[in-house]
PDB file of N, CA and C in Angstrom:
ATOM      1  N   MET A   1       0.773  -1.242  -0.120  1.00  0.00           N
ATOM      2  CA  MET A   1       0.055   0.089  -0.033  1.00  0.00           C
ATOM      3  C   MET A   1       0.732   1.295   0.144  1.00  0.00           C
ATOM      4  N   LYS A   2       0.670   2.145  -0.853  1.00  0.00           N
ATOM      5  CA  LYS A   2       1.185   3.382  -1.062  1.00  0.00           C
ATOM      6  C   LYS A   2       1.134   4.298   0.380  1.00  0.00           C
ATOM      7  N   ILE A   3       2.073   5.032   0.522  1.00  0.00           N
ATOM      8  CA  ILE A   3       1.989   5.858   1.876  1.00  0.00           C
ATOM      9  C   ILE A   3       0.943   7.108   1.654  1.00  0.00           C
ATOM     10  N   HIS A   4       0.693   7.334   0.477  1.00  0.00           N
ATOM     11  CA  HIS A   4      -0.476   8.426   0.306  1.00  0.00           C
ATOM     12  C   HIS A   4      -1.687   7.825   0.701  1.00  0.00           C
ATOM     13  N   ASN A   5      -2.008   6.729   0.226  1.00  0.00           N
ATOM     14  CA  ASN A   5      -3.309   5.729   0.528  1.00  0.00           C
ATOM     15  C   ASN A   5      -3.448   5.723   1.948  1.00  0.00           C
ATOM     16  N   VAL A   6      -2.250   5.406   2.834  1.00  0.00           N
ATOM     17  CA  VAL A   6      -2.415   5.515   4.076  1.00  0.00           C
ATOM     18  C   VAL A   6      -3.078   6.709   4.900  1.00  0.00           C
ATOM     19  N   PHE A   7      -2.463   7.892   4.444  1.00  0.00           N
ATOM     20  CA  PHE A   7      -2.838   9.005   4.882  1.00  0.00           C
ATOM     21  C   PHE A   7      -4.432   9.465   4.430  1.00  0.00           C
ATOM     22  N   TYR A   8      -4.803   9.014   3.413  1.00  0.00           N
ATOM     23  CA  TYR A   8      -6.187   9.145   2.894  1.00  0.00           C
ATOM     24  C   TYR A   8      -7.004   8.251   4.010  1.00  0.00           C
ATOM     25  N   LEU A   9      -6.695   7.181   4.058  1.00  0.00           N
ATOM     26  CA  LEU A   9      -7.306   6.204   5.119  1.00  0.00           C
ATOM     27  C   LEU A   9      -7.377   6.732   6.559  1.00  0.00           C
ATOM     28  N   LEU A  10      -6.231   7.346   7.105  1.00  0.00           N
ATOM     29  CA  LEU A  10      -6.169   7.986   8.406  1.00  0.00           C
ATOM     30  C   LEU A  10      -7.387   9.059   8.234  1.00  0.00           C
ATOM     31  N   GLY A  11      -7.294  10.039   7.238  1.00  0.00           N
ATOM     32  CA  GLY A  11      -8.213  10.998   7.104  1.00  0.00           C
ATOM     33  C   GLY A  11      -9.828  10.584   7.360  1.00  0.00           C
ATOM     34  N   PHE A  12      -9.953   9.633   6.583  1.00  0.00           N
ATOM     35  CA  PHE A  12     -11.597   8.963   6.716  1.00  0.00           C
ATOM     36  C   PHE A  12     -11.778   8.217   8.103  1.00  0.00           C
ATOM     37  N   GLY A  13     -10.672   7.930   8.626  1.00  0.00           N
ATOM     38  CA  GLY A  13     -10.857   7.075   9.853  1.00  0.00           C
ATOM     39  C   GLY A  13     -10.930   8.377  11.029  1.00  0.00           C
ATOM     40  N   SER A  14     -10.242   9.424  10.934  1.00  0.00           N
ATOM     41  CA  SER A  14     -10.437  10.365  11.781  1.00  0.00           C
ATOM     42  C   SER A  14     -11.787  11.132  11.849  1.00  0.00           C
ATOM     43  N   ILE A  15     -12.441  11.048  10.712  1.00  0.00           N
ATOM     44  CA  ILE A  15     -13.693  11.658  10.450  1.00  0.00           C
ATOM     45  C   ILE A  15     -14.620  10.758  11.256  1.00  0.00           C
ATOM     46  N   LEU A  16     -14.673   9.443  10.838  1.00  0.00           N
ATOM     47  CA  LEU A  16     -15.415   8.409  11.651  1.00  0.00           C
ATOM     48  C   LEU A  16     -15.404   8.463  13.104  1.00  0.00           C
ATOM     49  N   LEU A  17     -14.054   8.548  13.516  1.00  0.00           N
ATOM     50  CA  LEU A  17     -13.763   8.557  15.267  1.00  0.00           C
ATOM     51  C   LEU A  17     -14.385  10.048  15.639  1.00  0.00           C
ATOM     52  N   SER A  18     -14.210  10.904  15.030  1.00  0.00           N
ATOM     53  CA  SER A  18     -14.666  12.442  15.253  1.00  0.00           C
ATOM     54  C   SER A  18     -16.315  12.214  15.496  1.00  0.00           C
ATOM     55  N   ALA A  19     -16.958  11.594  14.440  1.00  0.00           N
ATOM     56  CA  ALA A  19     -18.443  11.583  14.535  1.00  0.00           C
ATOM     57  C   ALA A  19     -18.951  10.493  15.779  1.00  0.00           C
ATOM     58  N   SER A  20     -18.100   9.512  15.818  1.00  0.00           N
ATOM     59  CA  SER A  20     -18.584   8.554  17.091  1.00  0.00           C
ATOM     60  C   SER A  20     -18.321   9.257  18.494  1.00  0.00           C
ATOM     61  N   GLN A  21     -17.249  10.145  18.711  1.00  0.00           N
ATOM     62  CA  GLN A  21     -16.995  10.807  19.774  1.00  0.00           C
ATOM     63  C   GLN A  21     -17.924  11.939  20.101  1.00  0.00           C
ATOM     64  N   TYR A  22     -18.414  12.633  18.917  1.00  0.00           N
ATOM     65  CA  TYR A  22     -19.159  13.906  19.227  1.00  0.00           C
ATOM     66  C   TYR A  22     -20.527  13.245  19.389  1.00  0.00           C
ATOM     67  N   PHE A  23     -21.051  12.202  18.678  1.00  0.00           N
ATOM     68  CA  PHE A  23     -22.380  11.660  18.971  1.00  0.00           C
ATOM     69  C   PHE A  23     -22.563  10.855  20.153  1.00  0.00           C
ATOM     70  N   LYS A  24     -21.505  10.492  20.925  1.00  0.00           N
ATOM     71  CA  LYS A  24     -21.421   9.736  22.082  1.00  0.00           C
ATOM     72  C   LYS A  24     -21.784  10.518  23.172  1.00  0.00           C
ATOM     73  N   GLY A  25     -21.453  11.948  23.039  1.00  0.00           N
ATOM     74  CA  GLY A  25     -21.443  12.983  23.948  1.00  0.00           C
ATOM     75  C   GLY A  25     -22.423  13.044  24.896  1.00  0.00           C
ATOM     76  N   ASP A  26     -22.583  12.537  25.754  1.00  0.00           N
ATOM     77  CA  ASP A  26     -23.402  12.708  27.004  1.00  0.00           C
ATOM     78  C   ASP A  26     -22.752  13.861  27.878  1.00  0.00           C
ATOM     79  N   THR A  27     -21.367  14.058  27.594  1.00  0.00           N
ATOM     80  CA  THR A  27     -20.833  15.217  28.417  1.00  0.00           C
ATOM     81  C   THR A  27     -20.346  16.384  27.189  1.00  0.00           C
ATOM     82  N   SER A  28     -19.795  17.468  27.792  1.00  0.00           N
ATOM     83  CA  SER A  28     -19.298  18.383  26.920  1.00  0.00           C
ATOM     84  C   SER A  28     -17.961  18.033  26.396  1.00  0.00           C
ATOM     85  N   ASP A  29     -17.074  17.190  27.258  1.00  0.00           N
ATOM     86  CA  ASP A  29     -15.877  16.830  27.186  1.00  0.00           C
ATOM     87  C   ASP A  29     -15.888  15.861  25.704  1.00  0.00           C
ATOM     88  N   ASN A  30     -16.844  14.944  25.569  1.00  0.00           N
ATOM     89  CA  ASN A  30     -16.998  14.237  24.389  1.00  0.00           C
ATOM     90  C   ASN A  30     -17.099  14.723  23.207  1.00  0.00           C
ATOM     91  N   GLU A  31     -17.714  15.805  23.310  1.00  0.00           N
ATOM     92  CA  GLU A  31     -18.295  16.932  21.926  1.00  0.00           C
ATOM     93  C   GLU A  31     -17.038  17.531  21.618  1.00  0.00           C
ATOM     94  N   ARG A  32     -16.400  17.959  22.866  1.00  0.00           N
ATOM     95  CA  ARG A  32     -15.049  18.755  22.399  1.00  0.00           C
ATOM     96  C   ARG A  32     -13.991  17.848  21.732  1.00  0.00           C
ATOM     97  N   ASP A  33     -13.798  16.587  22.376  1.00  0.00           N
ATOM     98  CA  ASP A  33     -12.746  15.613  21.944  1.00  0.00           C
ATOM     99  C   ASP A  33     -13.229  15.495  20.402  1.00  0.00           C
ATOM    100  N   GLY A  34     -14.582  15.285  20.039  1.00  0.00           N
ATOM    101  CA  GLY A  34     -14.909  14.825  18.721  1.00  0.00           C
ATOM    102  C   GLY A  34     -14.418  15.807  17.952  1.00  0.00           C
ATOM    103  N   LEU A  35     -14.853  17.208  18.311  1.00  0.00           N
ATOM    104  CA  LEU A  35     -14.453  18.508  17.422  1.00  0.00           C
ATOM    105  C   LEU A  35     -12.780  18.450  16.966  1.00  0.00           C
ATOM    106  N   PHE A  36     -12.072  18.091  18.292  1.00  0.00           N
ATOM    107  CA  PHE A  36     -10.711  18.064  18.119  1.00  0.00           C
ATOM    108  C   PHE A  36     -10.389  17.263  17.257  1.00  0.00           C
ATOM    109  N   VAL A  37     -10.598  15.914  17.249  1.00  0.00           N
ATOM    110  CA  VAL A  37     -10.174  14.859  16.269  1.00  0.00           C
ATOM    111  C   VAL A  37     -10.766  15.014  14.783  1.00  0.00           C
ATOM    112  N   GLY A  38     -11.739  15.785  14.792  1.00  0.00           N
ATOM    113  CA  GLY A  38     -12.290  16.240  13.572  1.00  0.00           C
ATOM    114  C   GLY A  38     -11.466  17.202  12.816  1.00  0.00           C
ATOM    115  N   HIS A  39     -10.576  17.857  13.495  1.00  0.00           N
ATOM    116  CA  HIS A  39      -9.536  18.922  12.800  1.00  0.00           C
ATOM    117  C   HIS A  39      -8.366  17.819  12.251  1.00  0.00           C
ATOM    118  N   TRP A  40      -8.337  16.796  12.426  1.00  0.00           N
ATOM    119  CA  TRP A  40      -7.392  16.024  12.008  1.00  0.00           C
ATOM    120  C   TRP A  40      -7.442  15.740  10.433  1.00  0.00           C
ATOM    121  N   ALA A  41      -8.643  15.629  10.186  1.00  0.00           N
ATOM    122  CA  ALA A  41      -9.030  14.907   8.835  1.00  0.00           C
ATOM    123  C   ALA A  41      -8.369  15.689   7.708  1.00  0.00           C
ATOM    124  N   PRO A  42      -8.411  17.161   7.652  1.00  0.00           N
ATOM    125  CA  PRO A  42      -7.934  17.954   6.406  1.00  0.00           C
ATOM    126  C   PRO A  42      -6.288  17.834   6.459  1.00  0.00           C
ATOM    127  N   THR A  43      -5.903  17.767   7.427  1.00  0.00           N
ATOM    128  CA  THR A  43      -4.272  17.576   7.746  1.00  0.00           C
ATOM    129  C   THR A  43      -3.662  16.189   6.682  1.00  0.00           C
ATOM    130  N   PHE A  44      -4.496  15.093   7.296  1.00  0.00           N
ATOM    131  CA  PHE A  44      -4.236  13.862   6.596  1.00  0.00           C
ATOM    132  C   PHE A  44      -4.457  13.829   5.068  1.00  0.00           C
ATOM    133  N   PHE A  45      -5.619  14.620   4.475  1.00  0.00           N
ATOM    134  CA  PHE A  45      -5.822  14.497   3.497  1.00  0.00           C
ATOM    135  C   PHE A  45      -4.838  15.374   2.461  1.00  0.00           C
ATOM    136  N   ILE A  46      -4.539  16.514   3.101  1.00  0.00           N
ATOM    137  CA  ILE A  46      -3.318  17.448   2.436  1.00  0.00           C
ATOM    138  C   ILE A  46      -2.312  16.645   2.381  1.00  0.00           C
ATOM    139  N   LEU A  47      -1.829  15.882   3.433  1.00  0.00           N
ATOM    140  CA  LEU A  47      -0.439  15.324   3.491  1.00  0.00           C
ATOM    141  C   LEU A  47      -0.607  14.223   2.177  1.00  0.00           C
ATOM    142  N   GLY A  48      -1.718  13.484   2.344  1.00  0.00           N
ATOM    143  CA  GLY A  48      -1.961  12.485   1.381  1.00  0.00           C
ATOM    144  C   GLY A  48      -1.710  12.969  -0.113  1.00  0.00           C
ATOM    145  N   LYS A  49      -2.321  14.304  -0.500  1.00  0.00           N
ATOM    146  CA  LYS A  49      -2.401  14.911  -1.547  1.00  0.00           C
ATOM    147  C   LYS A  49      -0.754  15.123  -2.177  1.00  0.00           C
ATOM    148  N   ILE A  50      -0.200  15.691  -1.215  1.00  0.00           N
ATOM    149  CA  ILE A  50       0.912  16.144  -1.317  1.00  0.00           C
ATOM    150  C   ILE A  50       1.924  15.113  -1.731  1.00  0.00           C
ATOM    151  N   LEU A  51       1.993  13.854  -0.959  1.00  0.00           N
ATOM    152  CA  LEU A  51       2.677  12.641  -1.273  1.00  0.00           C
ATOM    153  C   LEU A  51       2.297  12.059  -2.639  1.00  0.00           C
ATOM    154  N   GLU A  52       1.039  12.093  -3.039  1.00  0.00           N
ATOM    155  CA  GLU A  52       0.621  11.665  -4.356  1.00  0.00           C
ATOM    156  C   GLU A  52       1.207  12.451  -5.540  1.00  0.00           C
ATOM    157  N   ASP A  53       1.021  13.729  -5.128  1.00  0.00           N
ATOM    158  CA  ASP A  53       1.566  14.676  -6.262  1.00  0.00           C
ATOM    159  C   ASP A  53       3.228  14.423  -6.365  1.00  0.00           C
ATOM    160  N   LYS A  54       3.737  14.410  -5.220  1.00  0.00           N
ATOM    161  CA  LYS A  54       5.345  14.064  -5.397  1.00  0.00           C
ATOM    162  C   LYS A  54       5.601  12.778  -6.255  1.00  0.00           C
ATOM    163  N   GLU A  55       4.709  11.598  -5.951  1.00  0.00           N
ATOM    164  CA  GLU A  55       5.148  10.456  -6.544  1.00  0.00           C
ATOM    165  C   GLU A  55       4.696  10.457  -8.025  1.00  0.00           C
ATOM    166  N   GLN A  56       3.508  11.388  -8.455  1.00  0.00           N
ATOM    167  CA  GLN A  56       3.245  11.497  -9.877  1.00  0.00           C
ATOM    168  C   GLN A  56       4.256  12.277 -10.574  1.00  0.00           C
ATOM    169  N   ALA A  57       4.717  13.282 -10.054  1.00  0.00           N
ATOM    170  CA  ALA A  57       5.929  14.138 -10.607  1.00  0.00           C
ATOM    171  C   ALA A  57       7.133  13.466 -10.695  1.00  0.00           C
ATOM    172  N   GLY A  58       7.655  12.449  -9.790  1.00  0.00           N
ATOM    173  CA  GLY A  58       8.704  11.423  -9.748  1.00  0.00           C
ATOM    174  C   GLY A  58       8.600  10.730 -10.921  1.00  0.00           C
ATOM    175  N   ARG A  59       7.489  10.198 -11.110  1.00  0.00           N
ATOM    176  CA  ARG A  59       7.093   9.093 -12.420  1.00  0.00           C
ATOM    177  C   ARG A  59       7.266   9.873 -13.645  1.00  0.00           C
ATOM    178  N   LYS A  60       6.701  11.105 -13.904  1.00  0.00           N
ATOM    179  CA  LYS A  60       6.817  11.915 -15.195  1.00  0.00           C
ATOM    180  C   LYS A  60       8.485  12.038 -15.400  1.00  0.00           C
ATOM    181  N   LEU A  61       9.217  12.392 -14.253  1.00  0.00           N
ATOM    182  CA  LEU A  61      10.495  12.605 -14.578  1.00  0.00           C
ATOM    183  C   LEU A  61      11.458  11.554 -15.289  1.00  0.00           C
ATOM    184  N   THR A  62      10.791  10.264 -14.789  1.00  0.00           N
ATOM    185  CA  THR A  62      11.647   8.958 -15.082  1.00  0.00           C
ATOM    186  C   THR A  62      11.059   8.323 -16.637  1.00  0.00           C
ATOM    187  N   GLU A  63       9.939   9.171 -17.036  1.00  0.00           N
ATOM    188  CA  GLU A  63       9.366   8.561 -18.232  1.00  0.00           C
ATOM    189  C   GLU A  63      10.060   9.131 -19.398  1.00  0.00           C
TER     190      GLU A  63
END
């Protein structure tokens, strides 16, 4: 599995974890934890996209 796919999976996983934490929230701490974890997703998606672009650029140079 390529590393950019791992980052994409981590992004989707953090969305699912965030939603489960938020809706489990019988206290405000769970809601706050859910929102905190939800902020990880864009970072993972951006890192995945950067790595994917670098890999494609490397392939173009070798062609």
